[in-house]
């Protein structure tokens, strides 16, 4: 089990932006597709920033789009509560949200692939 961190975030931020602001370790090399459109295109392009949301918050964030759904279907650990943190935008209703980040060794995964 990992550690629990409490942070403040602004409405409209996505969870990956919140993680970056507070140095929370979420790997997200495509930055939601916005890092360099020449490399990744527009929109989510990887699954490395995935997270899990509690049931009570699923309907309080923006709905999943087709690109996000397609990407998450490629992951072995996808659940109905899985989302890409770069695609989850905070609303007023998200006060107190808890987001679980899977523990996995990203460097070893990509270096051994």
C-alpha atoms as a PDB file:
ATOM      1  CA  UNK A   1       0.000   0.000   0.000  1.00  0.00           C
ATOM      2  CA  UNK A   2       1.255   3.450  -0.854  1.00  0.00           C
ATOM      3  CA  UNK A   3       1.104   6.687   1.037  1.00  0.00           C
ATOM      4  CA  UNK A   4      -1.874   9.026   1.251  1.00  0.00           C
ATOM      5  CA  UNK A   5      -1.281  12.656   0.291  1.00  0.00           C
ATOM      6  CA  UNK A   6      -3.789  15.478   0.732  1.00  0.00           C
ATOM      7  CA  UNK A   7      -3.487  18.456  -1.612  1.00  0.00           C
ATOM      8  CA  UNK A   8      -5.516  21.433  -2.796  1.00  0.00           C
ATOM      9  CA  UNK A   9      -6.457  21.740  -6.441  1.00  0.00           C
ATOM     10  CA  UNK A  10      -8.418  24.163  -8.568  1.00  0.00           C
ATOM     11  CA  UNK A  11     -11.624  23.301 -10.394  1.00  0.00           C
ATOM     12  CA  UNK A  12     -10.761  22.636 -14.032  1.00  0.00           C
ATOM     13  CA  UNK A  13      -7.356  21.082 -13.355  1.00  0.00           C
ATOM     14  CA  UNK A  14      -6.868  17.486 -14.413  1.00  0.00           C
ATOM     15  CA  UNK A  15      -5.454  14.940 -11.985  1.00  0.00           C
ATOM     16  CA  UNK A  16      -2.133  14.722 -13.834  1.00  0.00           C
ATOM     17  CA  UNK A  17      -1.691  18.500 -13.492  1.00  0.00           C
ATOM     18  CA  UNK A  18      -2.413  18.221  -9.768  1.00  0.00           C
ATOM     19  CA  UNK A  19       0.150  15.426  -9.448  1.00  0.00           C
ATOM     20  CA  UNK A  20       2.780  17.498 -11.277  1.00  0.00           C
ATOM     21  CA  UNK A  21       2.076  20.546  -9.097  1.00  0.00           C
ATOM     22  CA  UNK A  22       2.698  18.549  -5.907  1.00  0.00           C
ATOM     23  CA  UNK A  23       5.464  16.219  -7.175  1.00  0.00           C
ATOM     24  CA  UNK A  24       3.248  13.138  -6.880  1.00  0.00           C
ATOM     25  CA  UNK A  25       4.758  10.269  -8.846  1.00  0.00           C
ATOM     26  CA  UNK A  26       2.405   9.641 -11.764  1.00  0.00           C
ATOM     27  CA  UNK A  27       4.203   8.750 -14.966  1.00  0.00           C
ATOM     28  CA  UNK A  28       2.590  10.500 -17.929  1.00  0.00           C
ATOM     29  CA  UNK A  29       5.029  10.963 -20.798  1.00  0.00           C
ATOM     30  CA  UNK A  30       2.441  12.129 -23.334  1.00  0.00           C
ATOM     31  CA  UNK A  31       1.035  14.721 -20.894  1.00  0.00           C
ATOM     32  CA  UNK A  32      -2.440  13.920 -22.234  1.00  0.00           C
ATOM     33  CA  UNK A  33      -1.232  14.271 -25.803  1.00  0.00           C
ATOM     34  CA  UNK A  34      -0.171  17.861 -25.334  1.00  0.00           C
ATOM     35  CA  UNK A  35       3.574  17.414 -24.801  1.00  0.00           C
ATOM     36  CA  UNK A  36       4.435  17.533 -28.486  1.00  0.00           C
ATOM     37  CA  UNK A  37       1.657  16.906 -31.023  1.00  0.00           C
ATOM     38  CA  UNK A  38       4.313  15.788 -33.523  1.00  0.00           C
ATOM     39  CA  UNK A  39       5.250  12.913 -31.202  1.00  0.00           C
ATOM     40  CA  UNK A  40       1.920  11.993 -29.666  1.00  0.00           C
ATOM     41  CA  UNK A  41      -0.886  13.710 -31.572  1.00  0.00           C
ATOM     42  CA  UNK A  42      -3.818  15.336 -29.813  1.00  0.00           C
ATOM     43  CA  UNK A  43      -5.617  13.595 -26.980  1.00  0.00           C
ATOM     44  CA  UNK A  44      -4.516  10.817 -24.661  1.00  0.00           C
ATOM     45  CA  UNK A  45      -1.837   8.663 -26.250  1.00  0.00           C
ATOM     46  CA  UNK A  46      -0.605   6.349 -23.517  1.00  0.00           C
ATOM     47  CA  UNK A  47      -1.914   4.569 -20.427  1.00  0.00           C
ATOM     48  CA  UNK A  48       0.851   5.384 -18.001  1.00  0.00           C
ATOM     49  CA  UNK A  49      -1.015   7.981 -15.949  1.00  0.00           C
ATOM     50  CA  UNK A  50      -3.906   5.688 -15.162  1.00  0.00           C
ATOM     51  CA  UNK A  51      -5.591   5.867 -11.801  1.00  0.00           C
ATOM     52  CA  UNK A  52      -8.630   4.494 -10.027  1.00  0.00           C
ATOM     53  CA  UNK A  53     -11.519   6.637  -8.780  1.00  0.00           C
ATOM     54  CA  UNK A  54     -13.948   5.743  -6.000  1.00  0.00           C
ATOM     55  CA  UNK A  55     -17.480   4.830  -7.105  1.00  0.00           C
ATOM     56  CA  UNK A  56     -18.959   7.962  -5.562  1.00  0.00           C
ATOM     57  CA  UNK A  57     -16.829  10.222  -7.798  1.00  0.00           C
ATOM     58  CA  UNK A  58     -17.236   8.493 -11.165  1.00  0.00           C
ATOM     59  CA  UNK A  59     -20.262  10.642 -12.081  1.00  0.00           C
ATOM     60  CA  UNK A  60     -18.795  13.824 -10.575  1.00  0.00           C
ATOM     61  CA  UNK A  61     -15.984  14.139 -13.114  1.00  0.00           C
ATOM     62  CA  UNK A  62     -16.195  14.539 -16.868  1.00  0.00           C
ATOM     63  CA  UNK A  63     -17.236  11.412 -18.782  1.00  0.00           C
ATOM     64  CA  UNK A  64     -14.695   9.199 -20.498  1.00  0.00           C
ATOM     65  CA  UNK A  65     -14.230   9.787 -24.229  1.00  0.00           C
ATOM     66  CA  UNK A  66     -13.692   7.087 -26.852  1.00  0.00           C
ATOM     67  CA  UNK A  67      -9.923   7.563 -27.046  1.00  0.00           C
ATOM     68  CA  UNK A  68      -9.521   7.101 -23.306  1.00  0.00           C
ATOM     69  CA  UNK A  69     -11.749   4.023 -23.327  1.00  0.00           C
ATOM     70  CA  UNK A  70      -9.785   2.483 -26.225  1.00  0.00           C
ATOM     71  CA  UNK A  71      -6.490   3.021 -24.400  1.00  0.00           C
ATOM     72  CA  UNK A  72      -7.716   1.644 -21.076  1.00  0.00           C
ATOM     73  CA  UNK A  73      -8.998  -1.497 -22.781  1.00  0.00           C
ATOM     74  CA  UNK A  74      -5.340  -2.319 -23.562  1.00  0.00           C
ATOM     75  CA  UNK A  75      -4.417  -2.548 -19.848  1.00  0.00           C
ATOM     76  CA  UNK A  76      -4.561  -5.766 -17.845  1.00  0.00           C
ATOM     77  CA  UNK A  77      -5.498  -3.940 -14.638  1.00  0.00           C
ATOM     78  CA  UNK A  78      -8.424  -1.890 -15.988  1.00  0.00           C
ATOM     79  CA  UNK A  79     -11.531  -1.812 -13.806  1.00  0.00           C
ATOM     80  CA  UNK A  80     -14.816   0.113 -14.145  1.00  0.00           C
ATOM     81  CA  UNK A  81     -13.176   2.762 -11.943  1.00  0.00           C
ATOM     82  CA  UNK A  82     -10.070   3.171 -14.129  1.00  0.00           C
ATOM     83  CA  UNK A  83      -9.340   6.522 -15.734  1.00  0.00           C
ATOM     84  CA  UNK A  84      -6.370   8.311 -17.238  1.00  0.00           C
ATOM     85  CA  UNK A  85      -5.421  11.052 -14.799  1.00  0.00           C
ATOM     86  CA  UNK A  86      -4.727  13.447 -17.681  1.00  0.00           C
ATOM     87  CA  UNK A  87      -8.371  13.108 -18.741  1.00  0.00           C
ATOM     88  CA  UNK A  88     -10.068  13.547 -15.337  1.00  0.00           C
ATOM     89  CA  UNK A  89     -10.989  17.202 -14.831  1.00  0.00           C
ATOM     90  CA  UNK A  90     -11.955  18.339 -11.354  1.00  0.00           C
ATOM     91  CA  UNK A  91     -15.353  19.897 -10.698  1.00  0.00           C
ATOM     92  CA  UNK A  92     -16.811  21.568  -7.585  1.00  0.00           C
ATOM     93  CA  UNK A  93     -18.284  18.169  -6.683  1.00  0.00           C
ATOM     94  CA  UNK A  94     -14.796  16.625  -6.441  1.00  0.00           C
ATOM     95  CA  UNK A  95     -13.991  18.134  -3.058  1.00  0.00           C
ATOM     96  CA  UNK A  96     -12.464  15.306  -1.003  1.00  0.00           C
ATOM     97  CA  UNK A  97     -11.813  13.007  -3.972  1.00  0.00           C
ATOM     98  CA  UNK A  98      -9.397  10.156  -3.371  1.00  0.00           C
ATOM     99  CA  UNK A  99      -7.444   8.870  -6.346  1.00  0.00           C
ATOM    100  CA  UNK A 100      -5.522   5.596  -6.260  1.00  0.00           C
ATOM    101  CA  UNK A 101      -2.391   5.327  -8.374  1.00  0.00           C
ATOM    102  CA  UNK A 102      -1.228   1.807  -9.300  1.00  0.00           C
ATOM    103  CA  UNK A 103       2.196   0.864  -7.982  1.00  0.00           C
ATOM    104  CA  UNK A 104       4.355  -0.428 -10.815  1.00  0.00           C
ATOM    105  CA  UNK A 105       7.966   0.006 -11.839  1.00  0.00           C
ATOM    106  CA  UNK A 106       7.618   2.034 -15.019  1.00  0.00           C
ATOM    107  CA  UNK A 107      11.330   2.208 -15.804  1.00  0.00           C
ATOM    108  CA  UNK A 108      11.799  -1.560 -15.639  1.00  0.00           C
ATOM    109  CA  UNK A 109       8.608  -2.135 -17.623  1.00  0.00           C
ATOM    110  CA  UNK A 110       9.775  -0.024 -20.565  1.00  0.00           C
ATOM    111  CA  UNK A 111      13.447  -1.059 -20.388  1.00  0.00           C
ATOM    112  CA  UNK A 112      12.543  -4.782 -20.383  1.00  0.00           C
ATOM    113  CA  UNK A 113       9.948  -4.498 -23.178  1.00  0.00           C
END
